[in-house]
Amino acid sequence: MTSLNSLNEILEAVKNCKKCKFYKFREKTVFGEGKDDASVMLIGLSPGKKENLTGRLFIGPSGIFLNELLQLAKINRELLYITNIIKCHAHTYSIGQKEITTCSIYLDKQLEIVKPKVIIPLGSIATQYILGKYNLPKKRISKIHGRLFKASIGDLFNTGRDIKIIPMFHPAAALRTPELVELIKKDWQELYKEL
């Protein structure tokens, strides 16, 4: 894995990956999109059905809501880097720690190359992974959504700088739980002030 020094090299590795059962459901590789030097990175969990068919991220119903949220935060989607922890569609299987551990090596390389100043993990699993990665206390998304955390990444990237981590509810949470819609919108409006 240390030989993966560019996003294209990681993409090729993901296209050929068979390390977990999800590769069997891969129609198109859903890797990441956006600027390779973006200052803000959004990280979701895994691609949905539409994403699996097209290879694009957040284009289904949750993607439509995400675009609305980005507008609330005055963030241009084209200036972001967006990816998921899991690169293949999970079909009907639940995602466990084994799959997260297996696939997160690709995400870690993406983080190393893009070097974002702000990471916005979307949803509980992405939040727990990112907080753990940066040695921050893990807390439930319902308790920390919209809050700013800072982590030193000097040891990871040899840059000696802090990175901002702002966990957010996954846009799909609003589709499953409509009473969260206004809370999620408020978080993204507040996000504008942090950025």
N, C-alpha and C. Protein backbone atom coordinates (compact mmCIF):
# COMPACT_ATOMS: atom_id res chain seq x y z
N MET A 1 0.82 -1.21 0.00
CA MET A 1 0.00 0.00 0.00
C MET A 1 0.86 1.26 0.00
N THR A 2 2.10 1.17 0.46
CA THR A 2 2.95 2.35 0.52
C THR A 2 3.33 2.86 -0.87
N SER A 3 3.17 2.02 -1.89
CA SER A 3 3.56 2.44 -3.23
C SER A 3 2.48 3.29 -3.92
N LEU A 4 1.34 3.47 -3.27
CA LEU A 4 0.26 4.27 -3.87
C LEU A 4 0.51 5.74 -3.57
N ASN A 5 1.05 6.45 -4.56
CA ASN A 5 1.48 7.83 -4.33
C ASN A 5 0.63 8.87 -5.05
N SER A 6 -0.41 8.43 -5.75
CA SER A 6 -1.28 9.38 -6.42
C SER A 6 -2.71 8.86 -6.34
N LEU A 7 -3.66 9.76 -6.54
CA LEU A 7 -5.06 9.35 -6.52
C LEU A 7 -5.35 8.36 -7.63
N ASN A 8 -4.71 8.53 -8.78
CA ASN A 8 -4.91 7.58 -9.88
C ASN A 8 -4.41 6.19 -9.53
N GLU A 9 -3.29 6.11 -8.83
CA GLU A 9 -2.77 4.81 -8.42
C GLU A 9 -3.71 4.13 -7.41
N ILE A 10 -4.26 4.93 -6.50
CA ILE A 10 -5.21 4.38 -5.53
C ILE A 10 -6.48 3.92 -6.25
N LEU A 11 -6.94 4.72 -7.20
CA LEU A 11 -8.13 4.35 -7.97
C LEU A 11 -7.93 3.00 -8.66
N GLU A 12 -6.78 2.82 -9.28
CA GLU A 12 -6.51 1.54 -9.96
C GLU A 12 -6.50 0.38 -8.97
N ALA A 13 -5.95 0.61 -7.78
CA ALA A 13 -5.94 -0.43 -6.76
C ALA A 13 -7.37 -0.78 -6.33
N VAL A 14 -8.21 0.25 -6.18
CA VAL A 14 -9.60 0.03 -5.77
C VAL A 14 -10.34 -0.75 -6.86
N LYS A 15 -10.12 -0.40 -8.12
CA LYS A 15 -10.79 -1.09 -9.23
C LYS A 15 -10.51 -2.59 -9.22
N ASN A 16 -9.33 -2.96 -8.77
CA ASN A 16 -8.92 -4.37 -8.78
C ASN A 16 -9.04 -5.05 -7.42
N CYS A 17 -9.54 -4.33 -6.43
CA CYS A 17 -9.60 -4.84 -5.06
C CYS A 17 -10.65 -5.96 -4.94
N LYS A 18 -10.26 -7.02 -4.26
CA LYS A 18 -11.18 -8.13 -3.96
C LYS A 18 -11.00 -8.56 -2.51
N LYS A 19 -10.68 -7.60 -1.65
CA LYS A 19 -10.35 -7.92 -0.26
C LYS A 19 -11.57 -8.17 0.62
N CYS A 20 -12.76 -7.78 0.16
CA CYS A 20 -13.98 -8.10 0.91
C CYS A 20 -15.08 -8.47 -0.08
N LYS A 21 -16.17 -8.98 0.43
CA LYS A 21 -17.25 -9.50 -0.42
C LYS A 21 -17.94 -8.44 -1.27
N PHE A 22 -17.78 -7.15 -0.92
CA PHE A 22 -18.51 -6.11 -1.63
C PHE A 22 -18.05 -5.94 -3.08
N TYR A 23 -16.85 -6.39 -3.40
CA TYR A 23 -16.39 -6.25 -4.80
C TYR A 23 -17.32 -6.98 -5.76
N LYS A 24 -18.02 -8.00 -5.27
CA LYS A 24 -18.93 -8.78 -6.12
C LYS A 24 -20.10 -7.94 -6.63
N PHE A 25 -20.41 -6.85 -5.94
CA PHE A 25 -21.55 -6.01 -6.31
C PHE A 25 -21.11 -4.73 -7.02
N ARG A 26 -19.82 -4.60 -7.27
CA ARG A 26 -19.27 -3.38 -7.88
C ARG A 26 -19.59 -3.35 -9.36
N GLU A 27 -20.41 -2.38 -9.76
CA GLU A 27 -20.67 -2.13 -11.19
C GLU A 27 -19.64 -1.14 -11.71
N LYS A 28 -19.55 -0.02 -11.03
CA LYS A 28 -18.54 1.00 -11.35
C LYS A 28 -17.82 1.35 -10.04
N THR A 29 -16.57 1.63 -10.15
CA THR A 29 -15.81 2.02 -8.97
C THR A 29 -16.25 3.41 -8.52
N VAL A 30 -16.63 3.52 -7.27
CA VAL A 30 -17.03 4.81 -6.70
C VAL A 30 -15.92 5.22 -5.76
N PHE A 31 -15.00 6.01 -6.28
CA PHE A 31 -13.74 6.26 -5.58
C PHE A 31 -13.72 7.59 -4.85
N GLY A 32 -13.87 8.65 -5.58
CA GLY A 32 -13.79 9.99 -5.02
C GLY A 32 -13.89 10.97 -6.16
N GLU A 33 -14.27 12.18 -5.84
CA GLU A 33 -14.31 13.20 -6.89
C GLU A 33 -14.09 14.57 -6.28
N GLY A 34 -13.54 15.43 -7.10
CA GLY A 34 -13.27 16.79 -6.67
C GLY A 34 -11.81 17.15 -6.86
N LYS A 35 -11.45 18.26 -6.26
CA LYS A 35 -10.08 18.78 -6.39
C LYS A 35 -9.11 17.94 -5.57
N ASP A 36 -7.98 17.60 -6.16
CA ASP A 36 -7.02 16.78 -5.44
C ASP A 36 -6.20 17.57 -4.42
N ASP A 37 -6.45 18.88 -4.36
CA ASP A 37 -5.82 19.69 -3.31
C ASP A 37 -6.90 20.49 -2.56
N ALA A 38 -8.09 19.91 -2.47
CA ALA A 38 -9.22 20.60 -1.83
C ALA A 38 -8.92 20.85 -0.36
N SER A 39 -9.36 21.99 0.13
CA SER A 39 -9.16 22.28 1.55
C SER A 39 -10.24 21.63 2.41
N VAL A 40 -11.36 21.21 1.80
CA VAL A 40 -12.44 20.56 2.54
C VAL A 40 -12.72 19.19 1.91
N MET A 41 -12.76 18.16 2.76
CA MET A 41 -13.08 16.81 2.31
C MET A 41 -14.31 16.31 3.04
N LEU A 42 -15.29 15.82 2.28
CA LEU A 42 -16.48 15.17 2.83
C LEU A 42 -16.28 13.67 2.72
N ILE A 43 -16.60 12.96 3.80
CA ILE A 43 -16.43 11.52 3.82
C ILE A 43 -17.73 10.86 4.25
N GLY A 44 -18.31 10.07 3.35
CA GLY A 44 -19.50 9.30 3.67
C GLY A 44 -19.12 7.87 4.00
N LEU A 45 -20.12 6.99 3.99
CA LEU A 45 -19.86 5.60 4.34
C LEU A 45 -19.64 4.73 3.11
N SER A 46 -20.65 4.64 2.24
CA SER A 46 -20.54 3.74 1.08
C SER A 46 -21.47 4.20 -0.02
N PRO A 47 -21.18 3.81 -1.25
CA PRO A 47 -22.03 4.22 -2.37
C PRO A 47 -23.38 3.50 -2.36
N GLY A 48 -24.40 4.21 -2.80
CA GLY A 48 -25.73 3.62 -2.96
C GLY A 48 -25.89 3.01 -4.35
N LYS A 49 -27.12 2.63 -4.67
CA LYS A 49 -27.40 1.96 -5.95
C LYS A 49 -27.07 2.84 -7.14
N LYS A 50 -27.52 4.10 -7.12
CA LYS A 50 -27.26 4.99 -8.26
C LYS A 50 -25.78 5.27 -8.41
N GLU A 51 -25.11 5.44 -7.29
CA GLU A 51 -23.67 5.70 -7.33
C GLU A 51 -22.93 4.50 -7.91
N ASN A 52 -23.37 3.30 -7.55
CA ASN A 52 -22.75 2.08 -8.05
C ASN A 52 -22.90 1.95 -9.57
N LEU A 53 -24.01 2.42 -10.10
CA LEU A 53 -24.26 2.32 -11.54
C LEU A 53 -23.50 3.36 -12.34
N THR A 54 -23.21 4.50 -11.72
CA THR A 54 -22.58 5.61 -12.45
C THR A 54 -21.13 5.86 -12.09
N GLY A 55 -20.72 5.44 -10.89
CA GLY A 55 -19.37 5.74 -10.43
C GLY A 55 -19.24 7.12 -9.81
N ARG A 56 -20.34 7.84 -9.69
CA ARG A 56 -20.34 9.19 -9.11
C ARG A 56 -20.83 9.14 -7.67
N LEU A 57 -20.39 10.08 -6.87
CA LEU A 57 -20.76 10.13 -5.46
C LEU A 57 -21.94 11.07 -5.22
N PHE A 58 -22.80 10.68 -4.29
CA PHE A 58 -23.92 11.51 -3.84
C PHE A 58 -24.73 12.07 -5.00
N ILE A 59 -25.29 11.17 -5.80
CA ILE A 59 -26.16 11.62 -6.90
C ILE A 59 -27.59 11.15 -6.72
N GLY A 60 -27.82 10.31 -5.71
CA GLY A 60 -29.18 9.84 -5.43
C GLY A 60 -29.92 10.85 -4.57
N PRO A 61 -30.98 10.42 -3.91
CA PRO A 61 -31.77 11.32 -3.07
C PRO A 61 -30.95 12.03 -1.98
N SER A 62 -30.03 11.30 -1.35
CA SER A 62 -29.22 11.96 -0.32
C SER A 62 -28.27 12.97 -0.94
N GLY A 63 -27.85 12.73 -2.18
CA GLY A 63 -27.00 13.69 -2.87
C GLY A 63 -27.72 14.98 -3.21
N ILE A 64 -28.99 14.86 -3.55
CA ILE A 64 -29.81 16.05 -3.82
C ILE A 64 -29.90 16.90 -2.56
N PHE A 65 -30.13 16.24 -1.42
CA PHE A 65 -30.20 16.97 -0.16
C PHE A 65 -28.83 17.53 0.22
N LEU A 66 -27.76 16.78 -0.05
CA LEU A 66 -26.42 17.28 0.23
C LEU A 66 -26.15 18.56 -0.55
N ASN A 67 -26.56 18.60 -1.82
CA ASN A 67 -26.36 19.82 -2.62
C ASN A 67 -27.07 21.01 -1.98
N GLU A 68 -28.26 20.78 -1.46
CA GLU A 68 -29.00 21.85 -0.77
C GLU A 68 -28.24 22.30 0.48
N LEU A 69 -27.68 21.34 1.21
CA LEU A 69 -26.93 21.67 2.42
C LEU A 69 -25.66 22.45 2.09
N LEU A 70 -24.99 22.06 1.02
CA LEU A 70 -23.79 22.78 0.61
C LEU A 70 -24.12 24.23 0.26
N GLN A 71 -25.26 24.45 -0.36
CA GLN A 71 -25.69 25.82 -0.67
C GLN A 71 -25.92 26.61 0.62
N LEU A 72 -26.51 25.97 1.63
CA LEU A 72 -26.73 26.64 2.91
C LEU A 72 -25.41 27.08 3.54
N ALA A 73 -24.38 26.25 3.37
CA ALA A 73 -23.06 26.56 3.94
C ALA A 73 -22.21 27.40 2.99
N LYS A 74 -22.78 27.76 1.83
CA LYS A 74 -22.07 28.54 0.82
C LYS A 74 -20.77 27.84 0.38
N ILE A 75 -20.88 26.54 0.17
CA ILE A 75 -19.74 25.73 -0.28
C ILE A 75 -20.00 25.28 -1.71
N ASN A 76 -19.02 25.52 -2.55
CA ASN A 76 -19.09 25.09 -3.94
C ASN A 76 -18.65 23.64 -4.03
N ARG A 77 -19.55 22.77 -4.45
CA ARG A 77 -19.25 21.33 -4.51
C ARG A 77 -18.02 21.05 -5.37
N GLU A 78 -17.80 21.82 -6.41
CA GLU A 78 -16.66 21.60 -7.30
C GLU A 78 -15.32 21.87 -6.61
N LEU A 79 -15.33 22.58 -5.49
CA LEU A 79 -14.09 22.90 -4.79
C LEU A 79 -13.77 21.90 -3.68
N LEU A 80 -14.65 20.92 -3.46
CA LEU A 80 -14.48 19.92 -2.41
C LEU A 80 -13.79 18.67 -2.97
N TYR A 81 -13.41 17.82 -2.05
CA TYR A 81 -13.09 16.44 -2.41
C TYR A 81 -14.07 15.58 -1.63
N ILE A 82 -14.79 14.70 -2.32
CA ILE A 82 -15.81 13.87 -1.70
C ILE A 82 -15.47 12.41 -1.92
N THR A 83 -15.58 11.62 -0.86
CA THR A 83 -15.30 10.19 -0.97
C THR A 83 -16.10 9.44 0.09
N ASN A 84 -15.93 8.13 0.12
CA ASN A 84 -16.53 7.27 1.13
C ASN A 84 -15.45 6.41 1.76
N ILE A 85 -15.76 5.87 2.93
CA ILE A 85 -14.85 4.88 3.51
C ILE A 85 -14.87 3.62 2.65
N ILE A 86 -16.05 3.08 2.41
CA ILE A 86 -16.22 1.87 1.62
C ILE A 86 -16.38 2.29 0.15
N LYS A 87 -15.64 1.67 -0.73
CA LYS A 87 -15.62 2.10 -2.13
C LYS A 87 -16.60 1.33 -3.02
N CYS A 88 -17.15 0.24 -2.52
CA CYS A 88 -18.07 -0.58 -3.31
C CYS A 88 -19.45 -0.58 -2.67
N HIS A 89 -20.46 -0.78 -3.49
CA HIS A 89 -21.83 -0.84 -3.01
C HIS A 89 -21.99 -2.07 -2.11
N ALA A 90 -22.60 -1.87 -0.94
CA ALA A 90 -22.72 -2.96 0.03
C ALA A 90 -23.93 -3.85 -0.23
N HIS A 91 -24.72 -3.52 -1.23
CA HIS A 91 -25.90 -4.29 -1.59
C HIS A 91 -26.79 -4.42 -0.35
N THR A 92 -27.17 -5.61 0.04
CA THR A 92 -28.04 -5.77 1.21
C THR A 92 -27.27 -6.14 2.46
N TYR A 93 -25.96 -6.25 2.35
CA TYR A 93 -25.16 -6.63 3.51
C TYR A 93 -24.88 -5.44 4.41
N SER A 94 -24.81 -5.70 5.70
CA SER A 94 -24.43 -4.63 6.60
C SER A 94 -22.91 -4.49 6.58
N ILE A 95 -22.46 -3.28 6.84
CA ILE A 95 -21.03 -2.99 6.83
C ILE A 95 -20.50 -3.17 8.24
N GLY A 96 -19.52 -4.04 8.37
CA GLY A 96 -18.95 -4.31 9.68
C GLY A 96 -17.54 -3.75 9.81
N GLN A 97 -16.96 -3.96 10.98
CA GLN A 97 -15.62 -3.44 11.24
C GLN A 97 -14.59 -4.05 10.30
N LYS A 98 -14.79 -5.30 9.90
CA LYS A 98 -13.84 -5.95 8.99
C LYS A 98 -13.76 -5.19 7.67
N GLU A 99 -14.92 -4.84 7.11
CA GLU A 99 -14.93 -4.10 5.84
C GLU A 99 -14.36 -2.70 6.00
N ILE A 100 -14.66 -2.07 7.12
CA ILE A 100 -14.13 -0.72 7.36
C ILE A 100 -12.61 -0.76 7.46
N THR A 101 -12.10 -1.71 8.21
CA THR A 101 -10.64 -1.84 8.36
C THR A 101 -9.99 -2.13 7.02
N THR A 102 -10.59 -3.01 6.25
CA THR A 102 -10.04 -3.40 4.94
C THR A 102 -10.01 -2.24 3.97
N CYS A 103 -11.11 -1.50 3.90
CA CYS A 103 -11.24 -0.46 2.87
C CYS A 103 -10.68 0.90 3.31
N SER A 104 -10.55 1.13 4.60
CA SER A 104 -10.09 2.45 5.06
C SER A 104 -8.65 2.74 4.66
N ILE A 105 -7.89 1.71 4.28
CA ILE A 105 -6.53 1.97 3.83
C ILE A 105 -6.52 2.87 2.60
N TYR A 106 -7.55 2.75 1.76
CA TYR A 106 -7.65 3.61 0.58
C TYR A 106 -8.01 5.04 0.98
N LEU A 107 -8.93 5.16 1.93
CA LEU A 107 -9.29 6.49 2.43
C LEU A 107 -8.09 7.17 3.07
N ASP A 108 -7.33 6.42 3.86
CA ASP A 108 -6.15 7.01 4.51
C ASP A 108 -5.17 7.56 3.48
N LYS A 109 -5.01 6.85 2.38
CA LYS A 109 -4.12 7.33 1.32
C LYS A 109 -4.70 8.58 0.65
N GLN A 110 -6.02 8.60 0.46
CA GLN A 110 -6.65 9.80 -0.12
C GLN A 110 -6.41 11.00 0.79
N LEU A 111 -6.57 10.82 2.09
CA LEU A 111 -6.33 11.91 3.04
C LEU A 111 -4.88 12.38 2.97
N GLU A 112 -3.98 11.45 2.86
CA GLU A 112 -2.56 11.77 2.82
C GLU A 112 -2.21 12.60 1.58
N ILE A 113 -2.85 12.29 0.46
CA ILE A 113 -2.54 12.99 -0.79
C ILE A 113 -3.27 14.33 -0.89
N VAL A 114 -4.55 14.36 -0.56
CA VAL A 114 -5.32 15.60 -0.68
C VAL A 114 -4.92 16.61 0.39
N LYS A 115 -4.61 16.13 1.59
CA LYS A 115 -4.24 16.99 2.72
C LYS A 115 -5.28 18.08 3.00
N PRO A 116 -6.52 17.70 3.25
CA PRO A 116 -7.54 18.72 3.52
C PRO A 116 -7.28 19.44 4.83
N LYS A 117 -7.74 20.67 4.90
CA LYS A 117 -7.66 21.44 6.15
C LYS A 117 -8.88 21.16 7.03
N VAL A 118 -9.97 20.76 6.37
CA VAL A 118 -11.22 20.47 7.08
C VAL A 118 -11.75 19.13 6.59
N ILE A 119 -12.11 18.27 7.54
CA ILE A 119 -12.76 17.00 7.20
C ILE A 119 -14.16 17.03 7.77
N ILE A 120 -15.14 16.73 6.93
CA ILE A 120 -16.53 16.65 7.37
C ILE A 120 -16.98 15.20 7.20
N PRO A 121 -16.89 14.41 8.28
CA PRO A 121 -17.41 13.05 8.19
C PRO A 121 -18.94 13.08 8.26
N LEU A 122 -19.57 12.34 7.38
CA LEU A 122 -21.03 12.33 7.29
C LEU A 122 -21.58 11.04 7.90
N GLY A 123 -22.25 11.17 9.02
CA GLY A 123 -22.86 10.02 9.65
C GLY A 123 -22.00 9.42 10.74
N SER A 124 -22.61 8.49 11.44
CA SER A 124 -22.00 7.91 12.63
C SER A 124 -20.73 7.12 12.35
N ILE A 125 -20.75 6.24 11.37
CA ILE A 125 -19.59 5.37 11.14
C ILE A 125 -18.40 6.17 10.63
N ALA A 126 -18.63 7.08 9.69
CA ALA A 126 -17.53 7.92 9.20
C ALA A 126 -16.98 8.79 10.33
N THR A 127 -17.86 9.29 11.17
CA THR A 127 -17.42 10.12 12.29
C THR A 127 -16.56 9.32 13.26
N GLN A 128 -17.02 8.12 13.62
CA GLN A 128 -16.25 7.30 14.55
C GLN A 128 -14.88 6.94 13.97
N TYR A 129 -14.84 6.66 12.67
CA TYR A 129 -13.57 6.31 12.05
C TYR A 129 -12.60 7.50 12.09
N ILE A 130 -13.07 8.67 11.70
CA ILE A 130 -12.20 9.85 11.65
C ILE A 130 -11.75 10.28 13.05
N LEU A 131 -12.66 10.27 14.02
CA LEU A 131 -12.26 10.62 15.39
C LEU A 131 -11.20 9.66 15.90
N GLY A 132 -11.39 8.37 15.63
CA GLY A 132 -10.40 7.38 16.06
C GLY A 132 -9.07 7.55 15.36
N LYS A 133 -9.12 7.85 14.08
CA LYS A 133 -7.89 8.03 13.29
C LYS A 133 -7.03 9.15 13.85
N TYR A 134 -7.68 10.22 14.30
CA TYR A 134 -6.95 11.38 14.81
C TYR A 134 -6.88 11.41 16.33
N ASN A 135 -7.10 10.25 16.95
CA ASN A 135 -6.96 10.11 18.40
C ASN A 135 -7.83 11.07 19.20
N LEU A 136 -9.03 11.29 18.72
CA LEU A 136 -10.00 12.11 19.43
C LEU A 136 -11.03 11.20 20.09
N PRO A 137 -11.60 11.63 21.21
CA PRO A 137 -12.58 10.77 21.88
C PRO A 137 -13.79 10.50 20.98
N LYS A 138 -14.18 9.24 20.91
CA LYS A 138 -15.33 8.87 20.10
C LYS A 138 -16.61 9.15 20.88
N LYS A 139 -17.52 9.85 20.21
CA LYS A 139 -18.81 10.16 20.80
C LYS A 139 -19.90 9.96 19.77
N ARG A 140 -21.10 9.79 20.23
CA ARG A 140 -22.23 9.57 19.32
C ARG A 140 -22.47 10.80 18.46
N ILE A 141 -22.82 10.57 17.19
CA ILE A 141 -23.08 11.67 16.27
C ILE A 141 -24.20 12.57 16.78
N SER A 142 -25.16 11.99 17.48
CA SER A 142 -26.27 12.79 18.01
C SER A 142 -25.81 13.79 19.06
N LYS A 143 -24.64 13.55 19.66
CA LYS A 143 -24.11 14.45 20.69
C LYS A 143 -23.13 15.48 20.13
N ILE A 144 -22.53 15.19 18.97
CA ILE A 144 -21.43 16.06 18.51
C ILE A 144 -21.64 16.64 17.12
N HIS A 145 -22.79 16.39 16.51
CA HIS A 145 -23.02 16.90 15.15
C HIS A 145 -22.84 18.42 15.12
N GLY A 146 -22.13 18.88 14.12
CA GLY A 146 -21.92 20.31 13.94
C GLY A 146 -20.84 20.92 14.81
N ARG A 147 -20.25 20.15 15.71
CA ARG A 147 -19.20 20.67 16.59
C ARG A 147 -17.84 20.59 15.92
N LEU A 148 -16.99 21.54 16.28
CA LEU A 148 -15.65 21.61 15.71
C LEU A 148 -14.65 20.90 16.63
N PHE A 149 -13.85 20.02 16.03
CA PHE A 149 -12.75 19.37 16.73
C PHE A 149 -11.47 19.72 15.98
N LYS A 150 -10.37 19.80 16.71
CA LYS A 150 -9.08 20.05 16.07
C LYS A 150 -8.13 18.92 16.43
N ALA A 151 -7.34 18.53 15.45
CA ALA A 151 -6.35 17.48 15.66
C ALA A 151 -5.05 17.91 15.00
N SER A 152 -3.97 17.61 15.65
CA SER A 152 -2.66 17.87 15.07
C SER A 152 -2.32 16.74 14.11
N ILE A 153 -1.89 17.07 12.92
CA ILE A 153 -1.56 16.03 11.95
C ILE A 153 -0.09 16.07 11.56
N GLY A 154 0.72 16.72 12.37
CA GLY A 154 2.14 16.79 12.07
C GLY A 154 2.77 15.42 11.91
N ASP A 155 2.35 14.47 12.77
CA ASP A 155 2.92 13.14 12.69
C ASP A 155 2.48 12.40 11.44
N LEU A 156 1.28 12.71 10.95
CA LEU A 156 0.78 11.98 9.79
C LEU A 156 1.33 12.51 8.48
N PHE A 157 1.36 13.82 8.32
CA PHE A 157 1.74 14.40 7.04
C PHE A 157 3.03 15.22 7.10
N ASN A 158 3.65 15.27 8.28
CA ASN A 158 4.87 16.06 8.47
C ASN A 158 4.66 17.52 8.09
N THR A 159 3.49 18.03 8.41
CA THR A 159 3.21 19.43 8.09
C THR A 159 3.14 20.29 9.34
N GLY A 160 3.00 19.66 10.49
CA GLY A 160 2.95 20.41 11.73
C GLY A 160 1.77 21.34 11.84
N ARG A 161 0.64 20.97 11.28
CA ARG A 161 -0.53 21.84 11.32
C ARG A 161 -1.72 21.11 11.93
N ASP A 162 -2.72 21.89 12.30
CA ASP A 162 -3.95 21.30 12.82
C ASP A 162 -4.95 21.11 11.69
N ILE A 163 -5.81 20.17 11.90
CA ILE A 163 -6.89 19.92 10.96
C ILE A 163 -8.21 20.06 11.71
N LYS A 164 -9.19 20.64 11.05
CA LYS A 164 -10.52 20.77 11.64
C LYS A 164 -11.36 19.57 11.24
N ILE A 165 -12.09 19.03 12.19
CA ILE A 165 -13.01 17.92 11.93
C ILE A 165 -14.38 18.36 12.43
N ILE A 166 -15.36 18.33 11.53
CA ILE A 166 -16.71 18.77 11.88
C ILE A 166 -17.69 17.67 11.50
N PRO A 167 -18.04 16.80 12.44
CA PRO A 167 -18.99 15.72 12.14
C PRO A 167 -20.38 16.26 11.83
N MET A 168 -21.01 15.66 10.86
CA MET A 168 -22.38 16.03 10.48
C MET A 168 -23.22 14.77 10.31
N PHE A 169 -24.52 14.93 10.53
CA PHE A 169 -25.42 13.84 10.18
C PHE A 169 -25.28 13.55 8.69
N HIS A 170 -25.42 12.30 8.32
CA HIS A 170 -25.43 11.94 6.90
C HIS A 170 -26.72 12.48 6.30
N PRO A 171 -26.69 13.02 5.08
CA PRO A 171 -27.93 13.52 4.46
C PRO A 171 -29.03 12.46 4.40
N ALA A 172 -28.65 11.19 4.28
CA ALA A 172 -29.65 10.12 4.23
C ALA A 172 -30.44 10.02 5.53
N ALA A 173 -29.86 10.49 6.63
CA ALA A 173 -30.57 10.46 7.92
C ALA A 173 -31.85 11.28 7.84
N ALA A 174 -31.81 12.37 7.08
CA ALA A 174 -33.00 13.20 6.93
C ALA A 174 -34.07 12.49 6.12
N LEU A 175 -33.65 11.64 5.20
CA LEU A 175 -34.61 10.90 4.39
C LEU A 175 -35.29 9.81 5.22
N ARG A 176 -34.54 9.23 6.15
CA ARG A 176 -35.11 8.20 7.02
C ARG A 176 -35.88 8.79 8.20
N THR A 177 -35.44 9.96 8.68
CA THR A 177 -36.02 10.59 9.87
C THR A 177 -36.32 12.05 9.56
N PRO A 178 -37.48 12.32 8.98
CA PRO A 178 -37.79 13.69 8.54
C PRO A 178 -37.68 14.76 9.62
N GLU A 179 -37.87 14.38 10.90
CA GLU A 179 -37.77 15.39 11.96
C GLU A 179 -36.35 15.91 12.14
N LEU A 180 -35.36 15.26 11.49
CA LEU A 180 -33.98 15.75 11.57
C LEU A 180 -33.67 16.83 10.53
N VAL A 181 -34.54 17.01 9.57
CA VAL A 181 -34.25 17.90 8.44
C VAL A 181 -33.84 19.30 8.90
N GLU A 182 -34.64 19.91 9.75
CA GLU A 182 -34.34 21.29 10.16
C GLU A 182 -33.07 21.37 11.00
N LEU A 183 -32.83 20.37 11.83
CA LEU A 183 -31.60 20.34 12.63
C LEU A 183 -30.38 20.23 11.73
N ILE A 184 -30.46 19.37 10.74
CA ILE A 184 -29.35 19.20 9.80
C ILE A 184 -29.10 20.48 9.02
N LYS A 185 -30.16 21.12 8.57
CA LYS A 185 -30.01 22.39 7.85
C LYS A 185 -29.35 23.45 8.73
N LYS A 186 -29.75 23.49 9.98
CA LYS A 186 -29.17 24.47 10.91
C LYS A 186 -27.67 24.22 11.08
N ASP A 187 -27.28 22.95 11.22
CA ASP A 187 -25.86 22.61 11.35
C ASP A 187 -25.06 23.14 10.16
N TRP A 188 -25.60 22.97 8.96
CA TRP A 188 -24.87 23.41 7.76
C TRP A 188 -24.85 24.92 7.64
N GLN A 189 -25.88 25.59 8.10
CA GLN A 189 -25.85 27.06 8.12
C GLN A 189 -24.76 27.54 9.08
N GLU A 190 -24.63 26.86 10.22
CA GLU A 190 -23.59 27.23 11.19
C GLU A 190 -22.20 26.88 10.66
N LEU A 191 -22.12 25.86 9.84
CA LEU A 191 -20.84 25.45 9.28
C LEU A 191 -20.18 26.58 8.51
N TYR A 192 -20.98 27.39 7.87
CA TYR A 192 -20.46 28.53 7.09
C TYR A 192 -19.55 29.39 7.96
N LYS A 193 -19.92 29.59 9.23
CA LYS A 193 -19.13 30.43 10.13
C LYS A 193 -17.76 29.78 10.45
N GLU A 194 -17.75 28.44 10.54
CA GLU A 194 -16.51 27.75 10.86
C GLU A 194 -15.53 27.75 9.69
N LEU A 195 -16.06 27.81 8.48
CA LEU A 195 -15.19 27.75 7.31
C LEU A 195 -14.74 29.12 6.84
